[in-house]
Amino acid sequence: MARRPKAETQKMFRAVAVLLRNTTWKCGRIERLVVNYLQNHLRREGRGWSQIKDMVQHFKLQGKQKSEFFDALKRLEKRRIIRIETI
C-alpha cells in the first residue's frame, strides 16, 4: 500500500460525502459504518451529507485506519453509493 500524498489527504478532509443510495449490500465493515453514519445523519438532521473531517473525528481514526477509511470512501464512490464533493 503506497502512502497517500499530503495534499490529497487535506483535500479529502475539506470534502463532504453525500449519500446517494441507501444500501450496504456486498460492503465491508468500514463501508457499512460510513453508510450507517450518513443514514443516521439524514434521520437526525434532515440532510444526507456530512463532512469527511467530522466522520474521521466521530470514528476516532488514526494512522492506518484513516488510510483504510479513505480507501473505503473511494470504493463507495466507485459503486455510486456516495458522492464526494470538494468544498
N, C-alpha and C. Protein backbone atom coordinates (compact mmCIF):
# COMPACT_ATOMS: atom_id res chain seq x y z
N MET A 1 0.84 -1.16 0.00
CA MET A 1 0.00 0.00 0.00
C MET A 1 0.90 1.24 0.00
N ALA A 2 0.70 2.10 -0.98
CA ALA A 2 1.52 3.30 -1.10
C ALA A 2 0.99 4.40 -0.18
N ARG A 3 1.88 5.24 0.22
CA ARG A 3 1.49 6.35 1.09
C ARG A 3 0.78 7.42 0.27
N ARG A 4 -0.30 7.94 0.80
CA ARG A 4 -1.11 8.94 0.13
C ARG A 4 -0.44 10.31 0.28
N PRO A 5 -0.38 11.10 -0.79
CA PRO A 5 0.22 12.45 -0.68
C PRO A 5 -0.56 13.33 0.29
N LYS A 6 0.15 14.23 0.96
CA LYS A 6 -0.46 15.08 1.97
C LYS A 6 -1.52 16.00 1.36
N ALA A 7 -1.28 16.50 0.15
CA ALA A 7 -2.25 17.39 -0.50
C ALA A 7 -3.56 16.67 -0.76
N GLU A 8 -3.48 15.40 -1.16
CA GLU A 8 -4.70 14.63 -1.41
C GLU A 8 -5.47 14.38 -0.11
N THR A 9 -4.76 14.11 0.96
CA THR A 9 -5.39 13.89 2.26
C THR A 9 -6.09 15.16 2.74
N GLN A 10 -5.43 16.30 2.61
CA GLN A 10 -6.04 17.56 3.03
C GLN A 10 -7.26 17.90 2.18
N LYS A 11 -7.20 17.55 0.90
CA LYS A 11 -8.34 17.78 0.01
C LYS A 11 -9.54 16.94 0.45
N MET A 12 -9.28 15.69 0.88
CA MET A 12 -10.36 14.82 1.35
C MET A 12 -10.96 15.35 2.65
N PHE A 13 -10.13 15.92 3.53
CA PHE A 13 -10.64 16.45 4.79
C PHE A 13 -11.63 17.60 4.57
N ARG A 14 -11.41 18.40 3.52
CA ARG A 14 -12.29 19.53 3.25
C ARG A 14 -13.53 19.13 2.46
N ALA A 15 -13.61 17.89 2.00
CA ALA A 15 -14.72 17.44 1.17
C ALA A 15 -15.91 17.00 2.03
N VAL A 16 -17.04 16.80 1.35
CA VAL A 16 -18.24 16.27 2.00
C VAL A 16 -18.65 14.99 1.28
N ALA A 17 -19.24 14.08 2.03
CA ALA A 17 -19.76 12.83 1.48
C ALA A 17 -21.27 12.93 1.44
N VAL A 18 -21.85 12.68 0.25
CA VAL A 18 -23.29 12.78 0.05
C VAL A 18 -23.83 11.37 -0.19
N LEU A 19 -24.83 10.98 0.57
CA LEU A 19 -25.44 9.66 0.43
C LEU A 19 -26.37 9.66 -0.78
N LEU A 20 -26.10 8.77 -1.74
CA LEU A 20 -26.93 8.65 -2.94
C LEU A 20 -27.89 7.47 -2.85
N ARG A 21 -27.38 6.33 -2.36
CA ARG A 21 -28.19 5.13 -2.25
C ARG A 21 -28.10 4.57 -0.84
N ASN A 22 -29.20 4.05 -0.38
CA ASN A 22 -29.29 3.54 0.97
C ASN A 22 -29.10 2.02 0.95
N THR A 23 -27.92 1.56 0.61
CA THR A 23 -27.67 0.13 0.52
C THR A 23 -26.28 -0.19 1.06
N THR A 24 -26.16 -1.35 1.70
CA THR A 24 -24.86 -1.82 2.16
C THR A 24 -24.59 -3.23 1.65
N TRP A 25 -25.25 -3.61 0.58
CA TRP A 25 -25.08 -4.95 0.02
C TRP A 25 -23.67 -5.11 -0.51
N LYS A 26 -23.00 -6.19 -0.13
CA LYS A 26 -21.62 -6.51 -0.52
C LYS A 26 -20.62 -5.44 -0.08
N CYS A 27 -20.89 -4.77 1.01
CA CYS A 27 -19.97 -3.77 1.54
C CYS A 27 -19.18 -4.36 2.69
N GLY A 28 -18.00 -3.83 2.89
CA GLY A 28 -17.18 -4.24 4.02
C GLY A 28 -17.61 -3.54 5.29
N ARG A 29 -16.88 -3.79 6.36
CA ARG A 29 -17.24 -3.24 7.67
C ARG A 29 -17.15 -1.72 7.68
N ILE A 30 -16.10 -1.17 7.13
CA ILE A 30 -15.92 0.28 7.14
C ILE A 30 -16.95 0.96 6.25
N GLU A 31 -17.24 0.35 5.10
CA GLU A 31 -18.25 0.92 4.21
C GLU A 31 -19.62 0.95 4.88
N ARG A 32 -19.96 -0.12 5.61
CA ARG A 32 -21.24 -0.14 6.32
C ARG A 32 -21.29 0.94 7.40
N LEU A 33 -20.17 1.15 8.09
CA LEU A 33 -20.13 2.20 9.11
C LEU A 33 -20.39 3.57 8.50
N VAL A 34 -19.78 3.83 7.34
CA VAL A 34 -19.96 5.13 6.68
C VAL A 34 -21.41 5.32 6.24
N VAL A 35 -21.99 4.30 5.59
CA VAL A 35 -23.36 4.41 5.11
C VAL A 35 -24.33 4.55 6.28
N ASN A 36 -24.13 3.79 7.34
CA ASN A 36 -25.00 3.91 8.52
C ASN A 36 -24.86 5.28 9.18
N TYR A 37 -23.65 5.81 9.22
CA TYR A 37 -23.44 7.15 9.78
C TYR A 37 -24.21 8.18 8.96
N LEU A 38 -24.14 8.10 7.63
CA LEU A 38 -24.85 9.05 6.78
C LEU A 38 -26.37 8.87 6.88
N GLN A 39 -26.83 7.62 7.03
CA GLN A 39 -28.26 7.37 7.22
C GLN A 39 -28.76 8.01 8.51
N ASN A 40 -28.01 7.81 9.60
CA ASN A 40 -28.39 8.40 10.88
C ASN A 40 -28.34 9.92 10.83
N HIS A 41 -27.37 10.45 10.11
CA HIS A 41 -27.23 11.89 9.94
C HIS A 41 -28.45 12.44 9.21
N LEU A 42 -28.94 11.70 8.22
CA LEU A 42 -30.13 12.09 7.47
C LEU A 42 -31.37 12.07 8.36
N ARG A 43 -31.48 11.04 9.19
CA ARG A 43 -32.64 10.93 10.08
C ARG A 43 -32.66 12.04 11.14
N ARG A 44 -31.50 12.30 11.75
CA ARG A 44 -31.45 13.28 12.84
C ARG A 44 -31.53 14.72 12.35
N GLU A 45 -30.71 15.04 11.33
CA GLU A 45 -30.57 16.44 10.93
C GLU A 45 -31.27 16.78 9.62
N GLY A 46 -31.81 15.78 8.94
CA GLY A 46 -32.55 16.04 7.72
C GLY A 46 -31.70 16.30 6.49
N ARG A 47 -30.42 16.00 6.56
CA ARG A 47 -29.55 16.15 5.39
C ARG A 47 -28.72 14.90 5.23
N GLY A 48 -28.58 14.47 4.01
CA GLY A 48 -27.87 13.22 3.73
C GLY A 48 -26.42 13.41 3.40
N TRP A 49 -25.78 14.41 3.98
CA TRP A 49 -24.37 14.63 3.74
C TRP A 49 -23.67 15.01 5.04
N SER A 50 -22.37 14.80 5.04
CA SER A 50 -21.56 15.14 6.21
C SER A 50 -20.13 15.41 5.75
N GLN A 51 -19.44 16.25 6.48
CA GLN A 51 -18.04 16.50 6.16
C GLN A 51 -17.21 15.28 6.54
N ILE A 52 -16.23 14.99 5.73
CA ILE A 52 -15.38 13.83 5.97
C ILE A 52 -14.56 14.03 7.24
N LYS A 53 -14.17 15.27 7.50
CA LYS A 53 -13.42 15.57 8.72
C LYS A 53 -14.24 15.20 9.96
N ASP A 54 -15.55 15.47 9.94
CA ASP A 54 -16.42 15.12 11.06
C ASP A 54 -16.52 13.60 11.24
N MET A 55 -16.55 12.87 10.12
CA MET A 55 -16.62 11.41 10.21
C MET A 55 -15.34 10.83 10.79
N VAL A 56 -14.19 11.37 10.40
CA VAL A 56 -12.91 10.90 10.93
C VAL A 56 -12.86 11.13 12.43
N GLN A 57 -13.35 12.28 12.89
CA GLN A 57 -13.37 12.57 14.33
C GLN A 57 -14.36 11.68 15.05
N HIS A 58 -15.51 11.41 14.43
CA HIS A 58 -16.53 10.57 15.05
C HIS A 58 -16.03 9.14 15.25
N PHE A 59 -15.34 8.59 14.22
CA PHE A 59 -14.85 7.21 14.29
C PHE A 59 -13.51 7.11 15.01
N LYS A 60 -12.89 8.25 15.37
CA LYS A 60 -11.61 8.29 16.09
C LYS A 60 -10.54 7.49 15.34
N LEU A 61 -10.34 7.83 14.07
CA LEU A 61 -9.40 7.11 13.21
C LEU A 61 -8.00 7.70 13.33
N GLN A 62 -7.01 6.83 13.29
CA GLN A 62 -5.62 7.25 13.33
C GLN A 62 -4.78 6.33 12.46
N GLY A 63 -3.75 6.87 11.84
CA GLY A 63 -2.77 6.08 11.10
C GLY A 63 -3.35 5.24 9.99
N LYS A 64 -3.13 3.93 10.07
CA LYS A 64 -3.55 3.00 9.02
C LYS A 64 -5.07 2.96 8.90
N GLN A 65 -5.77 3.12 10.01
CA GLN A 65 -7.24 3.13 9.97
C GLN A 65 -7.75 4.27 9.11
N LYS A 66 -7.09 5.42 9.18
CA LYS A 66 -7.50 6.57 8.38
C LYS A 66 -7.31 6.28 6.90
N SER A 67 -6.21 5.63 6.56
CA SER A 67 -5.94 5.26 5.17
C SER A 67 -6.99 4.27 4.66
N GLU A 68 -7.34 3.29 5.48
CA GLU A 68 -8.37 2.33 5.09
C GLU A 68 -9.72 3.01 4.95
N PHE A 69 -9.99 4.01 5.78
CA PHE A 69 -11.23 4.77 5.71
C PHE A 69 -11.32 5.51 4.37
N PHE A 70 -10.23 6.16 3.96
CA PHE A 70 -10.23 6.87 2.68
C PHE A 70 -10.40 5.90 1.51
N ASP A 71 -9.78 4.72 1.60
CA ASP A 71 -9.97 3.71 0.56
C ASP A 71 -11.42 3.25 0.50
N ALA A 72 -12.06 3.11 1.65
CA ALA A 72 -13.46 2.70 1.69
C ALA A 72 -14.35 3.77 1.06
N LEU A 73 -14.03 5.05 1.31
CA LEU A 73 -14.80 6.13 0.68
C LEU A 73 -14.67 6.07 -0.84
N LYS A 74 -13.47 5.81 -1.32
CA LYS A 74 -13.26 5.70 -2.77
C LYS A 74 -14.05 4.54 -3.36
N ARG A 75 -14.08 3.40 -2.64
CA ARG A 75 -14.85 2.24 -3.13
C ARG A 75 -16.34 2.55 -3.17
N LEU A 76 -16.84 3.24 -2.14
CA LEU A 76 -18.26 3.61 -2.13
C LEU A 76 -18.58 4.59 -3.26
N GLU A 77 -17.66 5.49 -3.54
CA GLU A 77 -17.88 6.43 -4.63
C GLU A 77 -17.86 5.72 -5.98
N LYS A 78 -16.97 4.77 -6.12
CA LYS A 78 -16.88 3.99 -7.36
C LYS A 78 -18.16 3.19 -7.60
N ARG A 79 -18.76 2.67 -6.52
CA ARG A 79 -20.00 1.90 -6.62
C ARG A 79 -21.24 2.79 -6.66
N ARG A 80 -21.04 4.11 -6.64
CA ARG A 80 -22.11 5.12 -6.71
C ARG A 80 -23.11 5.01 -5.55
N ILE A 81 -22.58 4.72 -4.38
CA ILE A 81 -23.39 4.74 -3.16
C ILE A 81 -23.30 6.10 -2.50
N ILE A 82 -22.11 6.71 -2.56
CA ILE A 82 -21.93 8.07 -2.07
C ILE A 82 -21.26 8.90 -3.17
N ARG A 83 -21.31 10.21 -3.00
CA ARG A 83 -20.59 11.13 -3.89
C ARG A 83 -19.72 12.02 -3.02
N ILE A 84 -18.47 12.18 -3.38
CA ILE A 84 -17.55 13.03 -2.64
C ILE A 84 -17.44 14.34 -3.39
N GLU A 85 -17.81 15.43 -2.71
CA GLU A 85 -17.77 16.75 -3.31
C GLU A 85 -16.79 17.62 -2.54
N THR A 86 -15.89 18.27 -3.27
CA THR A 86 -14.95 19.17 -2.62
C THR A 86 -15.61 20.52 -2.40
N ILE A 87 -15.21 21.16 -1.33
CA ILE A 87 -15.78 22.47 -1.00
C ILE A 87 -14.87 23.56 -1.54
